[in-house]
PDB file of all heavy atoms in Angstrom:
ATOM      1  N   SER A   1       5.781 -13.355   3.032  1.00  0.00           N
ATOM      2  CA  SER A   1       4.353 -13.548   2.806  1.00  0.00           C
ATOM      3  C   SER A   1       3.850 -14.510   3.879  1.00  0.00           C
ATOM      4  O   SER A   1       4.630 -15.110   4.616  1.00  0.00           O
ATOM      5  CB  SER A   1       4.098 -14.129   1.410  1.00  0.00           C
ATOM      6  OG  SER A   1       4.612 -15.456   1.321  1.00  0.00           O
ATOM      7  N   PHE A   2       2.525 -14.641   3.960  1.00  0.00           N
ATOM      8  CA  PHE A   2       1.918 -15.502   4.963  1.00  0.00           C
ATOM      9  C   PHE A   2       1.089 -16.592   4.284  1.00  0.00           C
ATOM     10  O   PHE A   2       0.748 -16.490   3.099  1.00  0.00           O
ATOM     11  CB  PHE A   2       1.039 -14.687   5.904  1.00  0.00           C
ATOM     12  CG  PHE A   2       1.816 -13.736   6.780  1.00  0.00           C
ATOM     13  CD1 PHE A   2       2.198 -12.492   6.304  1.00  0.00           C
ATOM     14  CD2 PHE A   2       2.188 -14.097   8.065  1.00  0.00           C
ATOM     15  CE1 PHE A   2       2.926 -11.613   7.094  1.00  0.00           C
ATOM     16  CE2 PHE A   2       2.914 -13.230   8.872  1.00  0.00           C
ATOM     17  CZ  PHE A   2       3.284 -11.983   8.378  1.00  0.00           C
ATOM     18  N   GLN A   3       0.764 -17.641   5.046  1.00  0.00           N
ATOM     19  CA  GLN A   3      -0.037 -18.730   4.491  1.00  0.00           C
ATOM     20  C   GLN A   3      -1.373 -18.220   3.986  1.00  0.00           C
ATOM     21  O   GLN A   3      -1.838 -18.595   2.906  1.00  0.00           O
ATOM     22  CB  GLN A   3      -0.265 -19.801   5.564  1.00  0.00           C
ATOM     23  CG  GLN A   3       0.966 -20.591   5.949  1.00  0.00           C
ATOM     24  CD  GLN A   3       0.661 -21.670   6.968  1.00  0.00           C
ATOM     25  OE1 GLN A   3      -0.483 -22.099   7.095  1.00  0.00           O
ATOM     26  NE2 GLN A   3       1.665 -22.107   7.701  1.00  0.00           N
ATOM     27  N   ASN A   4      -2.017 -17.376   4.773  1.00  0.00           N
ATOM     28  CA  ASN A   4      -3.312 -16.811   4.391  1.00  0.00           C
ATOM     29  C   ASN A   4      -3.102 -15.433   3.786  1.00  0.00           C
ATOM     30  O   ASN A   4      -2.290 -14.639   4.264  1.00  0.00           O
ATOM     31  CB  ASN A   4      -4.228 -16.716   5.617  1.00  0.00           C
ATOM     32  CG  ASN A   4      -4.482 -18.069   6.246  1.00  0.00           C
ATOM     33  OD1 ASN A   4      -4.729 -19.052   5.552  1.00  0.00           O
ATOM     34  ND2 ASN A   4      -4.392 -18.129   7.569  1.00  0.00           N
ATOM     35  N   LEU A   5      -3.852 -15.145   2.735  1.00  0.00           N
ATOM     36  CA  LEU A   5      -3.716 -13.865   2.066  1.00  0.00           C
ATOM     37  C   LEU A   5      -4.017 -12.726   3.034  1.00  0.00           C
ATOM     38  O   LEU A   5      -5.010 -12.752   3.763  1.00  0.00           O
ATOM     39  CB  LEU A   5      -4.678 -13.788   0.876  1.00  0.00           C
ATOM     40  CG  LEU A   5      -4.352 -14.726  -0.303  1.00  0.00           C
ATOM     41  CD1 LEU A   5      -5.483 -14.688  -1.312  1.00  0.00           C
ATOM     42  CD2 LEU A   5      -3.040 -14.337  -0.959  1.00  0.00           C
ATOM     43  N   GLY A   6      -3.150 -11.718   3.017  1.00  0.00           N
ATOM     44  CA  GLY A   6      -3.339 -10.563   3.886  1.00  0.00           C
ATOM     45  C   GLY A   6      -3.612  -9.300   3.107  1.00  0.00           C
ATOM     46  O   GLY A   6      -3.148  -8.227   3.484  1.00  0.00           O
ATOM     47  N   LEU A   7      -4.365  -9.424   2.018  1.00  0.00           N
ATOM     48  CA  LEU A   7      -4.651  -8.271   1.165  1.00  0.00           C
ATOM     49  C   LEU A   7      -5.893  -7.527   1.658  1.00  0.00           C
ATOM     50  O   LEU A   7      -6.733  -8.089   2.356  1.00  0.00           O
ATOM     51  CB  LEU A   7      -4.850  -8.723  -0.282  1.00  0.00           C
ATOM     52  CG  LEU A   7      -3.683  -9.499  -0.903  1.00  0.00           C
ATOM     53  CD1 LEU A   7      -4.072  -9.990  -2.295  1.00  0.00           C
ATOM     54  CD2 LEU A   7      -2.429  -8.636  -0.966  1.00  0.00           C
ATOM     55  N   PHE A   8      -5.998  -6.265   1.259  1.00  0.00           N
ATOM     56  CA  PHE A   8      -7.166  -5.450   1.582  1.00  0.00           C
ATOM     57  C   PHE A   8      -8.133  -5.510   0.394  1.00  0.00           C
ATOM     58  O   PHE A   8      -7.836  -4.960  -0.670  1.00  0.00           O
ATOM     59  CB  PHE A   8      -6.753  -4.015   1.869  1.00  0.00           C
ATOM     60  CG  PHE A   8      -5.950  -3.868   3.127  1.00  0.00           C
ATOM     61  CD1 PHE A   8      -4.566  -4.014   3.109  1.00  0.00           C
ATOM     62  CD2 PHE A   8      -6.571  -3.587   4.337  1.00  0.00           C
ATOM     63  CE1 PHE A   8      -3.818  -3.885   4.270  1.00  0.00           C
ATOM     64  CE2 PHE A   8      -5.834  -3.455   5.507  1.00  0.00           C
ATOM     65  CZ  PHE A   8      -4.456  -3.610   5.472  1.00  0.00           C
ATOM     66  N   PRO A   9      -9.283  -6.163   0.559  1.00  0.00           N
ATOM     67  CA  PRO A   9     -10.175  -6.401  -0.580  1.00  0.00           C
ATOM     68  C   PRO A   9     -10.644  -5.143  -1.293  1.00  0.00           C
ATOM     69  O   PRO A   9     -10.807  -5.139  -2.519  1.00  0.00           O
ATOM     70  CB  PRO A   9     -11.372  -7.138   0.053  1.00  0.00           C
ATOM     71  CG  PRO A   9     -10.823  -7.737   1.310  1.00  0.00           C
ATOM     72  CD  PRO A   9      -9.788  -6.778   1.800  1.00  0.00           C
ATOM     73  N   SER A  10     -10.862  -4.055  -0.564  1.00  0.00           N
ATOM     74  CA  SER A  10     -11.417  -2.851  -1.179  1.00  0.00           C
ATOM     75  C   SER A  10     -10.367  -1.990  -1.873  1.00  0.00           C
ATOM     76  O   SER A  10     -10.705  -1.104  -2.661  1.00  0.00           O
ATOM     77  CB  SER A  10     -12.145  -2.003  -0.130  1.00  0.00           C
ATOM     78  OG  SER A  10     -11.243  -1.577   0.883  1.00  0.00           O
ATOM     79  N   LEU A  11      -9.084  -2.241  -1.586  1.00  0.00           N
ATOM     80  CA  LEU A  11      -8.025  -1.475  -2.238  1.00  0.00           C
ATOM     81  C   LEU A  11      -7.680  -2.086  -3.580  1.00  0.00           C
ATOM     82  O   LEU A  11      -7.848  -3.284  -3.806  1.00  0.00           O
ATOM     83  CB  LEU A  11      -6.777  -1.443  -1.357  1.00  0.00           C
ATOM     84  CG  LEU A  11      -6.888  -0.752   0.007  1.00  0.00           C
ATOM     85  CD1 LEU A  11      -5.531  -0.715   0.690  1.00  0.00           C
ATOM     86  CD2 LEU A  11      -7.470   0.642  -0.119  1.00  0.00           C
ATOM     87  N   SER A  12      -7.169  -1.241  -4.468  1.00  0.00           N
ATOM     88  CA  SER A  12      -6.761  -1.734  -5.780  1.00  0.00           C
ATOM     89  C   SER A  12      -5.512  -2.603  -5.640  1.00  0.00           C
ATOM     90  O   SER A  12      -4.822  -2.593  -4.604  1.00  0.00           O
ATOM     91  CB  SER A  12      -6.478  -0.570  -6.724  1.00  0.00           C
ATOM     92  OG  SER A  12      -5.274   0.086  -6.344  1.00  0.00           O
ATOM     93  N   VAL A  13      -5.214  -3.326  -6.706  1.00  0.00           N
ATOM     94  CA  VAL A  13      -4.005  -4.150  -6.723  1.00  0.00           C
ATOM     95  C   VAL A  13      -2.773  -3.279  -6.493  1.00  0.00           C
ATOM     96  O   VAL A  13      -1.898  -3.614  -5.695  1.00  0.00           O
ATOM     97  CB  VAL A  13      -3.911  -4.910  -8.059  1.00  0.00           C
ATOM     98  CG1 VAL A  13      -2.517  -5.502  -8.255  1.00  0.00           C
ATOM     99  CG2 VAL A  13      -4.963  -6.011  -8.113  1.00  0.00           C
ATOM    100  N   ARG A  14      -2.697  -2.127  -7.183  1.00  0.00           N
ATOM    101  CA  ARG A  14      -1.543  -1.255  -6.999  1.00  0.00           C
ATOM    102  C   ARG A  14      -1.442  -0.764  -5.555  1.00  0.00           C
ATOM    103  O   ARG A  14      -0.359  -0.725  -4.974  1.00  0.00           O
ATOM    104  CB  ARG A  14      -1.609  -0.056  -7.942  1.00  0.00           C
ATOM    105  CG  ARG A  14      -0.392   0.882  -7.768  1.00  0.00           C
ATOM    106  CD  ARG A  14      -0.498   2.179  -8.538  1.00  0.00           C
ATOM    107  NE  ARG A  14      -0.321   1.965  -9.962  1.00  0.00           N
ATOM    108  CZ  ARG A  14      -1.305   2.066 -10.853  1.00  0.00           C
ATOM    109  NH1 ARG A  14      -2.539   2.354 -10.433  1.00  0.00           N
ATOM    110  NH2 ARG A  14      -1.064   1.868 -12.123  1.00  0.00           N
ATOM    111  N   GLN A  15      -2.564  -0.370  -4.977  1.00  0.00           N
ATOM    112  CA  GLN A  15      -2.535   0.112  -3.602  1.00  0.00           C
ATOM    113  C   GLN A  15      -2.087  -0.968  -2.628  1.00  0.00           C
ATOM    114  O   GLN A  15      -1.311  -0.709  -1.704  1.00  0.00           O
ATOM    115  CB  GLN A  15      -3.916   0.645  -3.213  1.00  0.00           C
ATOM    116  CG  GLN A  15      -4.266   1.963  -3.879  1.00  0.00           C
ATOM    117  CD  GLN A  15      -5.712   2.355  -3.671  1.00  0.00           C
ATOM    118  OE1 GLN A  15      -6.582   1.503  -3.474  1.00  0.00           O
ATOM    119  NE2 GLN A  15      -5.985   3.647  -3.699  1.00  0.00           N
ATOM    120  N   ASN A  16      -2.549  -2.198  -2.852  1.00  0.00           N
ATOM    121  CA  ASN A  16      -2.098  -3.299  -2.002  1.00  0.00           C
ATOM    122  C   ASN A  16      -0.593  -3.500  -2.121  1.00  0.00           C
ATOM    123  O   ASN A  16       0.096  -3.714  -1.119  1.00  0.00           O
ATOM    124  CB  ASN A  16      -2.835  -4.586  -2.380  1.00  0.00           C
ATOM    125  CG  ASN A  16      -4.110  -4.793  -1.586  1.00  0.00           C
ATOM    126  OD1 ASN A  16      -4.078  -5.119  -0.408  1.00  0.00           O
ATOM    127  ND2 ASN A  16      -5.248  -4.590  -2.241  1.00  0.00           N
ATOM    128  N   VAL A  17      -0.082  -3.434  -3.333  1.00  0.00           N
ATOM    129  CA  VAL A  17       1.355  -3.612  -3.540  1.00  0.00           C
ATOM    130  C   VAL A  17       2.140  -2.483  -2.893  1.00  0.00           C
ATOM    131  O   VAL A  17       3.164  -2.707  -2.244  1.00  0.00           O
ATOM    132  CB  VAL A  17       1.671  -3.704  -5.049  1.00  0.00           C
ATOM    133  CG1 VAL A  17       3.172  -3.609  -5.308  1.00  0.00           C
ATOM    134  CG2 VAL A  17       1.126  -5.006  -5.625  1.00  0.00           C
ATOM    135  N   MET A  18       1.640  -1.254  -3.010  1.00  0.00           N
ATOM    136  CA  MET A  18       2.371  -0.104  -2.479  1.00  0.00           C
ATOM    137  C   MET A  18       2.402  -0.074  -0.961  1.00  0.00           C
ATOM    138  O   MET A  18       3.221   0.634  -0.374  1.00  0.00           O
ATOM    139  CB  MET A  18       1.796   1.190  -3.035  1.00  0.00           C
ATOM    140  CG  MET A  18       2.116   1.396  -4.512  1.00  0.00           C
ATOM    141  SD  MET A  18       1.607   3.009  -5.106  1.00  0.00           S
ATOM    142  CE  MET A  18       2.713   4.077  -4.171  1.00  0.00           C
ATOM    143  N   LEU A  19       1.533  -0.831  -0.317  1.00  0.00           N
ATOM    144  CA  LEU A  19       1.627  -0.924   1.140  1.00  0.00           C
ATOM    145  C   LEU A  19       2.947  -1.542   1.573  1.00  0.00           C
ATOM    146  O   LEU A  19       3.357  -1.407   2.724  1.00  0.00           O
ATOM    147  CB  LEU A  19       0.453  -1.729   1.700  1.00  0.00           C
ATOM    148  CG  LEU A  19      -0.902  -1.010   1.678  1.00  0.00           C
ATOM    149  CD1 LEU A  19      -2.012  -1.955   2.105  1.00  0.00           C
ATOM    150  CD2 LEU A  19      -0.868   0.215   2.578  1.00  0.00           C
ATOM    151  N   GLY A  20       3.612  -2.209   0.649  1.00  0.00           N
ATOM    152  CA  GLY A  20       4.939  -2.730   0.940  1.00  0.00           C
ATOM    153  C   GLY A  20       6.010  -1.666   1.044  1.00  0.00           C
ATOM    154  O   GLY A  20       7.156  -1.962   1.396  1.00  0.00           O
ATOM    155  N   ALA A  21       5.649  -0.420   0.754  1.00  0.00           N
ATOM    156  CA  ALA A  21       6.635   0.665   0.780  1.00  0.00           C
ATOM    157  C   ALA A  21       6.821   1.265   2.153  1.00  0.00           C
ATOM    158  O   ALA A  21       7.638   2.159   2.323  1.00  0.00           O
ATOM    159  CB  ALA A  21       6.216   1.775  -0.201  1.00  0.00           C
ATOM    160  N   TYR A  22       6.082   0.793   3.145  1.00  0.00           N
ATOM    161  CA  TYR A  22       6.141   1.450   4.453  1.00  0.00           C
ATOM    162  C   TYR A  22       7.534   1.474   5.050  1.00  0.00           C
ATOM    163  O   TYR A  22       7.909   2.377   5.783  1.00  0.00           O
ATOM    164  CB  TYR A  22       5.179   0.781   5.432  1.00  0.00           C
ATOM    165  CG  TYR A  22       5.617  -0.559   5.926  1.00  0.00           C
ATOM    166  CD1 TYR A  22       6.368  -0.688   7.084  1.00  0.00           C
ATOM    167  CD2 TYR A  22       5.296  -1.721   5.226  1.00  0.00           C
ATOM    168  CE1 TYR A  22       6.780  -1.922   7.533  1.00  0.00           C
ATOM    169  CE2 TYR A  22       5.715  -2.959   5.674  1.00  0.00           C
ATOM    170  CZ  TYR A  22       6.450  -3.046   6.819  1.00  0.00           C
ATOM    171  OH  TYR A  22       6.862  -4.276   7.246  1.00  0.00           O
ATOM    172  N   SER A  23       8.340   0.454   4.731  1.00  0.00           N
ATOM    173  CA  SER A  23       9.686   0.399   5.312  1.00  0.00           C
ATOM    174  C   SER A  23      10.660   1.316   4.580  1.00  0.00           C
ATOM    175  O   SER A  23      11.766   1.546   5.058  1.00  0.00           O
ATOM    176  CB  SER A  23      10.219  -1.037   5.266  1.00  0.00           C
ATOM    177  OG  SER A  23      10.363  -1.473   3.934  1.00  0.00           O
ATOM    178  N   ARG A  24      10.252   1.846   3.418  1.00  0.00           N
ATOM    179  CA  ARG A  24      11.143   2.684   2.624  1.00  0.00           C
ATOM    180  C   ARG A  24      10.766   4.155   2.693  1.00  0.00           C
ATOM    181  O   ARG A  24      11.621   5.020   2.588  1.00  0.00           O
ATOM    182  CB  ARG A  24      11.106   2.223   1.162  1.00  0.00           C
ATOM    183  CG  ARG A  24      11.627   0.821   0.945  1.00  0.00           C
ATOM    184  CD  ARG A  24      11.218   0.285  -0.406  1.00  0.00           C
ATOM    185  NE  ARG A  24      11.439   1.255  -1.461  1.00  0.00           N
ATOM    186  CZ  ARG A  24      10.915   1.167  -2.672  1.00  0.00           C
ATOM    187  NH1 ARG A  24      10.114   0.162  -2.975  1.00  0.00           N
ATOM    188  NH2 ARG A  24      11.163   2.078  -3.580  1.00  0.00           N
ATOM    189  N   ALA A  25       9.459   4.452   2.840  1.00  0.00           N
ATOM    190  CA  ALA A  25       9.018   5.838   2.858  1.00  0.00           C
ATOM    191  C   ALA A  25       9.308   6.463   4.218  1.00  0.00           C
ATOM    192  O   ALA A  25       9.111   5.838   5.253  1.00  0.00           O
ATOM    193  CB  ALA A  25       7.522   5.902   2.552  1.00  0.00           C
ATOM    194  N   ARG A  26       9.767   7.682   4.219  1.00  0.00           N
ATOM    195  CA  ARG A  26      10.117   8.345   5.471  1.00  0.00           C
ATOM    196  C   ARG A  26       8.877   8.816   6.220  1.00  0.00           C
ATOM    197  O   ARG A  26       8.782   8.692   7.427  1.00  0.00           O
ATOM    198  CB  ARG A  26      11.038   9.529   5.190  1.00  0.00           C
ATOM    199  CG  ARG A  26      12.400   9.111   4.647  1.00  0.00           C
ATOM    200  CD  ARG A  26      13.279  10.313   4.412  1.00  0.00           C
ATOM    201  NE  ARG A  26      14.587   9.918   3.889  1.00  0.00           N
ATOM    202  CZ  ARG A  26      15.538  10.775   3.550  1.00  0.00           C
ATOM    203  NH1 ARG A  26      15.343  12.076   3.674  1.00  0.00           N
ATOM    204  NH2 ARG A  26      16.681  10.336   3.087  1.00  0.00           N
ATOM    205  N   THR A  27       7.936   9.411   5.504  1.00  0.00           N
ATOM    206  CA  THR A  27       6.729   9.916   6.151  1.00  0.00           C
ATOM    207  C   THR A  27       5.553   9.733   5.215  1.00  0.00           C
ATOM    208  O   THR A  27       5.686   9.727   3.999  1.00  0.00           O
ATOM    209  CB  THR A  27       6.849  11.421   6.481  1.00  0.00           C
ATOM    210  OG1 THR A  27       7.082  12.148   5.272  1.00  0.00           O
ATOM    211  CG2 THR A  27       7.972  11.673   7.470  1.00  0.00           C
ATOM    212  N   GLY A  28       4.389   9.604   5.809  1.00  0.00           N
ATOM    213  CA  GLY A  28       3.151   9.644   5.043  1.00  0.00           C
ATOM    214  C   GLY A  28       2.980   8.538   4.030  1.00  0.00           C
ATOM    215  O   GLY A  28       2.360   8.743   2.991  1.00  0.00           O
ATOM    216  N   PHE A  29       3.535   7.342   4.311  1.00  0.00           N
ATOM    217  CA  PHE A  29       3.451   6.280   3.296  1.00  0.00           C
ATOM    218  C   PHE A  29       2.015   5.889   3.031  1.00  0.00           C
ATOM    219  O   PHE A  29       1.638   5.567   1.904  1.00  0.00           O
ATOM    220  CB  PHE A  29       4.277   5.056   3.727  1.00  0.00           C
ATOM    221  CG  PHE A  29       3.596   4.151   4.706  1.00  0.00           C
ATOM    222  CD1 PHE A  29       2.822   3.077   4.244  1.00  0.00           C
ATOM    223  CD2 PHE A  29       3.683   4.376   6.060  1.00  0.00           C
ATOM    224  CE1 PHE A  29       2.172   2.249   5.145  1.00  0.00           C
ATOM    225  CE2 PHE A  29       3.034   3.542   6.953  1.00  0.00           C
ATOM    226  CZ  PHE A  29       2.281   2.485   6.499  1.00  0.00           C
ATOM    227  N   LEU A  30       1.155   5.912   4.056  1.00  0.00           N
ATOM    228  CA  LEU A  30      -0.225   5.485   3.855  1.00  0.00           C
ATOM    229  C   LEU A  30      -0.958   6.461   2.945  1.00  0.00           C
ATOM    230  O   LEU A  30      -1.666   6.062   2.014  1.00  0.00           O
ATOM    231  CB  LEU A  30      -0.940   5.369   5.199  1.00  0.00           C
ATOM    232  CG  LEU A  30      -2.347   4.759   5.156  1.00  0.00           C
ATOM    233  CD1 LEU A  30      -2.290   3.363   4.546  1.00  0.00           C
ATOM    234  CD2 LEU A  30      -2.952   4.716   6.552  1.00  0.00           C
ATOM    235  N   GLY A  31      -0.760   7.742   3.188  1.00  0.00           N
ATOM    236  CA  GLY A  31      -1.390   8.734   2.315  1.00  0.00           C
ATOM    237  C   GLY A  31      -0.881   8.626   0.893  1.00  0.00           C
ATOM    238  O   GLY A  31      -1.631   8.743  -0.070  1.00  0.00           O
ATOM    239  N   THR A  32       0.430   8.392   0.753  1.00  0.00           N
ATOM    240  CA  THR A  32       1.015   8.226  -0.576  1.00  0.00           C
ATOM    241  C   THR A  32       0.401   7.036  -1.291  1.00  0.00           C
ATOM    242  O   THR A  32       0.100   7.083  -2.485  1.00  0.00           O
ATOM    243  CB  THR A  32       2.536   8.022  -0.455  1.00  0.00           C
ATOM    244  OG1 THR A  32       3.114   9.192   0.116  1.00  0.00           O
ATOM    245  CG2 THR A  32       3.169   7.761  -1.808  1.00  0.00           C
ATOM    246  N   THR A  33       0.179   5.955  -0.559  1.00  0.00           N
ATOM    247  CA  THR A  33      -0.378   4.749  -1.146  1.00  0.00           C
ATOM    248  C   THR A  33      -1.812   4.951  -1.602  1.00  0.00           C
ATOM    249  O   THR A  33      -2.212   4.508  -2.681  1.00  0.00           O
ATOM    250  CB  THR A  33      -0.322   3.597  -0.124  1.00  0.00           C
ATOM    251  OG1 THR A  33       1.037   3.358   0.216  1.00  0.00           O
ATOM    252  CG2 THR A  33      -0.924   2.334  -0.695  1.00  0.00           C
ATOM    253  N   LEU A  34      -2.608   5.624  -0.767  1.00  0.00           N
ATOM    254  CA  LEU A  34      -4.040   5.706  -1.019  1.00  0.00           C
ATOM    255  C   LEU A  34      -4.427   6.849  -1.944  1.00  0.00           C
ATOM    256  O   LEU A  34      -5.547   6.879  -2.435  1.00  0.00           O
ATOM    257  CB  LEU A  34      -4.791   5.838   0.312  1.00  0.00           C
ATOM    258  CG  LEU A  34      -4.602   4.664   1.273  1.00  0.00           C
ATOM    259  CD1 LEU A  34      -5.396   4.891   2.541  1.00  0.00           C
ATOM    260  CD2 LEU A  34      -5.006   3.353   0.615  1.00  0.00           C
ATOM    261  N   ARG A  35      -3.531   7.801  -2.195  1.00  0.00           N
ATOM    262  CA  ARG A  35      -3.867   8.883  -3.118  1.00  0.00           C
ATOM    263  C   ARG A  35      -3.976   8.329  -4.533  1.00  0.00           C
ATOM    264  O   ARG A  35      -3.103   7.591  -4.978  1.00  0.00           O
ATOM    265  CB  ARG A  35      -2.801   9.981  -3.062  1.00  0.00           C
ATOM    266  CG  ARG A  35      -3.068  11.028  -2.003  1.00  0.00           C
ATOM    267  CD  ARG A  35      -2.181  12.235  -2.212  1.00  0.00           C
ATOM    268  NE  ARG A  35      -0.820  11.974  -1.803  1.00  0.00           N
ATOM    269  CZ  ARG A  35      -0.350  12.241  -0.584  1.00  0.00           C
ATOM    270  NH1 ARG A  35      -1.135  12.738   0.342  1.00  0.00           N
ATOM    271  NH2 ARG A  35       0.910  11.989  -0.284  1.00  0.00           N
ATOM    272  N   PRO A  36      -5.022   8.686  -5.258  1.00  0.00           N
ATOM    273  CA  PRO A  36      -5.182   8.149  -6.607  1.00  0.00           C
ATOM    274  C   PRO A  36      -4.122   8.651  -7.573  1.00  0.00           C
ATOM    275  O   PRO A  36      -3.788   7.990  -8.540  1.00  0.00           O
ATOM    276  CB  PRO A  36      -6.582   8.612  -7.020  1.00  0.00           C
ATOM    277  CG  PRO A  36      -6.856   9.819  -6.173  1.00  0.00           C
ATOM    278  CD  PRO A  36      -6.152   9.556  -4.870  1.00  0.00           C
ATOM    279  N   ARG A  37      -3.589   9.857  -7.329  1.00  0.00           N
ATOM    280  CA  ARG A  37      -2.568  10.400  -8.211  1.00  0.00           C
ATOM    281  C   ARG A  37      -1.357  10.824  -7.388  1.00  0.00           C
ATOM    282  O   ARG A  37      -1.501  11.408  -6.320  1.00  0.00           O
ATOM    283  CB  ARG A  37      -3.099  11.616  -8.990  1.00  0.00           C
ATOM    284  CG  ARG A  37      -4.183  11.276 -10.006  1.00  0.00           C
ATOM    285  CD  ARG A  37      -4.674  12.538 -10.679  1.00  0.00           C
ATOM    286  NE  ARG A  37      -5.712  12.240 -11.663  1.00  0.00           N
ATOM    287  CZ  ARG A  37      -5.470  11.955 -12.935  1.00  0.00           C
ATOM    288  NH1 ARG A  37      -4.227  11.929 -13.380  1.00  0.00           N
ATOM    289  NH2 ARG A  37      -6.450  11.696 -13.772  1.00  0.00           N
ATOM    290  N   ALA A  38      -0.179  10.544  -7.913  1.00  0.00           N
ATOM    291  CA  ALA A  38       1.038  10.965  -7.241  1.00  0.00           C
ATOM    292  C   ALA A  38       1.252  12.450  -7.478  1.00  0.00           C
ATOM    293  O   ALA A  38       1.113  12.940  -8.600  1.00  0.00           O
ATOM    294  CB  ALA A  38       2.226  10.173  -7.778  1.00  0.00           C
ATOM    295  N   THR A  39       1.596  13.197  -6.419  1.00  0.00           N
ATOM    296  CA  THR A  39       1.741  14.647  -6.547  1.00  0.00           C
ATOM    297  C   THR A  39       3.177  15.106  -6.369  1.00  0.00           C
ATOM    298  O   THR A  39       3.573  16.121  -6.921  1.00  0.00           O
ATOM    299  CB  THR A  39       0.856  15.365  -5.509  1.00  0.00           C
ATOM    300  OG1 THR A  39       1.209  14.903  -4.193  1.00  0.00           O
ATOM    301  CG2 THR A  39      -0.609  15.064  -5.767  1.00  0.00           C
TER     302      THR A  39
END
């Protein structure tokens, strides 16, 4: 984490948390994060 908050104000709490998945998802992590429903 950093001294200053690095959250995205317009994204939901869940979406902000899921941005941490970029190192684990193979492809399309951003789309996966921002989609309202998992498909």
